[in-house]
Amino acid sequence: MTKKKGLRALGAAGVVLLLLMALLSWTRPWWLYRVCTAIDVNSGDIARQSYLCGRQISEDIHESAFSREVRRLGIAGPKGRHWRTVTTKTALSSETAHGPYGNLINECNLIMWFLDRFEVPDAERSAVLSETLTVLQAGDMIELSHLESRLGKNLVLLPWETEGHLGTSEDEVAD
């Protein structure tokens, strides 16, 4: 009889474990374990924050190209950190963009690419990065997109906008 009870208990434990695994895979338990990538909107630094059962267990902060340039140019901003979560990865899911700030690191990298690619002088760089930090701190992602568009239009001349083609339509330049 004891052998039979032991097998029943083992079978019941297996069923419970199987149900628990199924439940965890369906609910994506963010509370169990998650890793977040976040950006500090006051400086542009990037952090990797790990949580276990809802409590932060580690935080690794790294300088981004954006924050390095902000510091190099001496752009003043608030001293405290204000983190915005960009991506989240849970124990049973892949890394996914999180909310309106999901693309924020890429947006900052794009601005730095524009500034580096077109060798923008420090005075203009400082103005662009100051405006970018102001927009980041306000949390206005739509304004950030407009800022990038304006920056791109100011730096990248299209073929019909060059000196030799001023006043010429797009169709005539293409021919």
Protein backbone atom coordinates (compact mmCIF):
# COMPACT_ATOMS: atom_id res chain seq x y z
CA MET A 1 0.00 0.00 0.00
CA THR A 2 2.76 2.50 0.79
CA LYS A 3 4.31 1.99 -2.63
CA LYS A 4 0.95 2.77 -4.23
CA LYS A 5 0.53 5.95 -2.11
CA GLY A 6 4.05 7.05 -3.04
CA LEU A 7 3.29 6.65 -6.75
CA ARG A 8 0.03 8.61 -6.36
CA ALA A 9 1.84 11.43 -4.55
CA LEU A 10 4.56 11.48 -7.21
CA GLY A 11 1.92 11.51 -9.97
CA ALA A 12 0.01 14.34 -8.26
CA ALA A 13 3.23 16.35 -7.86
CA GLY A 14 3.99 15.82 -11.57
CA VAL A 15 0.51 17.03 -12.58
CA VAL A 16 0.84 20.12 -10.34
CA LEU A 17 4.28 20.87 -11.80
CA LEU A 18 2.94 20.45 -15.33
CA LEU A 19 -0.01 22.77 -14.61
CA LEU A 20 2.30 25.34 -13.01
CA MET A 21 4.60 25.30 -16.05
CA ALA A 22 1.62 25.75 -18.39
CA LEU A 23 0.29 28.60 -16.28
CA LEU A 24 3.68 30.35 -16.27
CA SER A 25 4.06 30.03 -20.03
CA TRP A 26 0.59 31.52 -20.64
CA THR A 27 0.80 34.41 -18.17
CA ARG A 28 4.38 35.59 -18.83
CA PRO A 29 5.13 36.30 -15.17
CA TRP A 30 6.91 39.66 -15.14
CA TRP A 31 6.87 39.54 -11.35
CA LEU A 32 9.01 36.39 -11.20
CA TYR A 33 12.10 37.59 -13.08
CA ARG A 34 12.59 40.39 -15.57
CA VAL A 35 15.39 42.44 -17.06
CA CYS A 36 14.69 45.99 -18.21
CA THR A 37 16.77 48.25 -20.40
CA ALA A 38 16.19 51.88 -19.45
CA ILE A 39 17.50 55.28 -20.50
CA ASP A 40 18.07 58.23 -18.19
CA VAL A 41 16.33 61.17 -19.88
CA ASN A 42 18.50 63.64 -17.93
CA SER A 43 21.80 62.36 -19.35
CA GLY A 44 21.25 59.65 -21.98
CA ASP A 45 22.95 56.94 -19.89
CA ILE A 46 21.64 53.40 -20.37
CA ALA A 47 20.94 50.94 -17.55
CA ARG A 48 20.25 47.23 -17.45
CA GLN A 49 18.06 46.57 -14.40
CA SER A 50 17.27 43.07 -13.12
CA TYR A 51 14.27 42.28 -10.90
CA LEU A 52 13.41 39.15 -8.94
CA CYS A 53 9.95 38.84 -7.39
CA GLY A 54 9.37 42.57 -7.97
CA ARG A 55 12.55 43.74 -6.21
CA GLN A 56 15.51 45.20 -8.08
CA ILE A 57 18.53 42.94 -7.60
CA SER A 58 21.05 44.60 -9.92
CA GLU A 59 21.65 47.66 -12.07
CA ASP A 60 24.47 48.14 -14.56
CA ILE A 61 24.76 51.70 -15.90
CA HIS A 62 26.66 52.41 -19.13
CA GLU A 63 27.46 55.58 -21.00
CA SER A 64 25.89 55.86 -24.44
CA ALA A 65 27.39 57.80 -27.35
CA PHE A 66 24.65 60.37 -26.71
CA SER A 67 25.48 60.82 -22.99
CA ARG A 68 29.22 60.86 -23.72
CA GLU A 69 28.69 63.74 -26.16
CA VAL A 70 26.40 65.59 -23.71
CA ARG A 71 29.16 65.39 -21.09
CA ARG A 72 31.92 66.34 -23.55
CA LEU A 73 30.04 69.48 -24.56
CA GLY A 74 29.26 70.34 -20.92
CA ILE A 75 25.50 70.50 -21.43
CA ALA A 76 23.87 71.08 -18.05
CA GLY A 77 20.85 69.10 -16.98
CA PRO A 78 19.13 67.92 -13.81
CA LYS A 79 21.49 65.97 -11.55
CA GLY A 80 19.08 63.20 -10.54
CA ARG A 81 18.34 60.14 -12.64
CA HIS A 82 14.97 59.75 -14.33
CA TRP A 83 14.79 56.32 -15.96
CA ARG A 84 12.39 55.46 -18.77
CA THR A 85 11.97 51.76 -19.51
CA VAL A 86 12.76 50.97 -23.13
CA THR A 87 12.62 47.17 -23.31
CA THR A 88 11.62 44.35 -20.99
CA LYS A 89 12.57 40.67 -21.01
CA THR A 90 10.86 38.21 -18.67
CA ALA A 91 11.83 34.70 -17.65
CA LEU A 92 9.73 33.14 -20.40
CA SER A 93 9.65 35.77 -23.14
CA SER A 94 12.00 37.52 -25.49
CA GLU A 95 12.98 41.17 -25.19
CA THR A 96 10.15 43.46 -26.27
CA ALA A 97 9.79 47.22 -26.68
CA HIS A 98 7.94 48.82 -23.81
CA GLY A 99 5.40 51.63 -24.22
CA PRO A 100 6.03 54.99 -25.86
CA TYR A 101 9.75 54.89 -25.03
CA GLY A 102 10.39 51.57 -26.77
CA ASN A 103 12.50 53.13 -29.51
CA LEU A 104 14.19 55.87 -27.47
CA ILE A 105 17.73 54.46 -27.55
CA ASN A 106 17.52 54.08 -31.33
CA GLU A 107 16.23 57.65 -31.63
CA CYS A 108 19.22 58.98 -29.65
CA ASN A 109 21.59 56.85 -31.76
CA LEU A 110 20.02 58.28 -34.93
CA ILE A 111 20.59 61.84 -33.73
CA MET A 112 24.22 61.00 -32.95
CA TRP A 113 24.60 59.38 -36.38
CA PHE A 114 23.33 62.57 -38.05
CA LEU A 115 25.72 64.74 -36.02
CA ASP A 116 28.72 62.48 -36.65
CA ARG A 117 27.99 61.68 -40.29
CA PHE A 118 27.67 65.32 -41.29
CA GLU A 119 30.45 66.52 -38.97
CA VAL A 120 28.27 69.12 -37.27
CA PRO A 121 30.37 71.72 -35.38
CA ASP A 122 30.31 71.75 -31.58
CA ALA A 123 28.18 74.90 -31.28
CA GLU A 124 25.39 73.40 -33.42
CA ARG A 125 25.83 70.00 -31.75
CA SER A 126 25.36 71.59 -28.36
CA ALA A 127 22.13 73.30 -29.48
CA VAL A 128 20.72 70.08 -30.98
CA LEU A 129 21.62 67.95 -27.95
CA SER A 130 20.24 70.56 -25.52
CA GLU A 131 16.96 70.61 -27.41
CA THR A 132 16.92 66.80 -27.52
CA LEU A 133 17.43 66.57 -23.75
CA THR A 134 14.61 69.08 -23.19
CA VAL A 135 12.28 66.98 -25.36
CA LEU A 136 13.36 63.75 -23.59
CA GLN A 137 12.73 65.26 -20.17
CA ALA A 138 9.27 66.41 -21.29
CA GLY A 139 8.56 62.87 -22.51
CA ASP A 140 7.23 64.12 -25.86
CA MET A 141 8.16 61.38 -28.33
CA ILE A 142 6.22 63.03 -31.16
CA GLU A 143 8.28 66.21 -30.75
CA LEU A 144 11.42 64.05 -30.80
CA SER A 145 10.37 62.70 -34.21
CA HIS A 146 9.80 66.26 -35.44
CA LEU A 147 13.24 67.25 -34.12
CA GLU A 148 14.84 64.38 -36.04
CA SER A 149 12.97 65.36 -39.21
CA ARG A 150 14.11 68.99 -38.90
CA LEU A 151 17.67 67.88 -38.23
CA GLY A 152 17.62 65.59 -41.27
CA LYS A 153 16.19 68.31 -43.53
CA ASN A 154 18.84 70.78 -42.34
CA LEU A 155 21.73 68.38 -42.87
CA VAL A 156 20.75 66.35 -45.92
CA LEU A 157 20.28 68.24 -49.15
CA LEU A 158 18.29 66.39 -51.76
CA PRO A 159 19.59 66.50 -55.36
CA TRP A 160 17.09 69.19 -56.42
CA GLU A 161 18.10 71.35 -53.43
CA THR A 162 21.79 71.64 -54.35
CA GLU A 163 23.27 74.82 -55.79
CA GLY A 164 23.37 73.64 -59.39
CA HIS A 165 19.72 72.63 -59.30
CA LEU A 166 18.06 75.46 -57.35
CA GLY A 167 14.68 76.25 -58.88
CA THR A 168 14.64 72.97 -60.80
CA SER A 169 11.78 70.56 -60.16
CA GLU A 170 12.35 67.02 -58.83
CA ASP A 171 11.27 65.53 -62.19
CA GLU A 172 13.84 67.56 -64.14
CA VAL A 173 16.67 66.48 -61.83
CA ALA A 174 15.71 62.82 -62.21
CA ASP A 175 16.00 63.03 -66.01
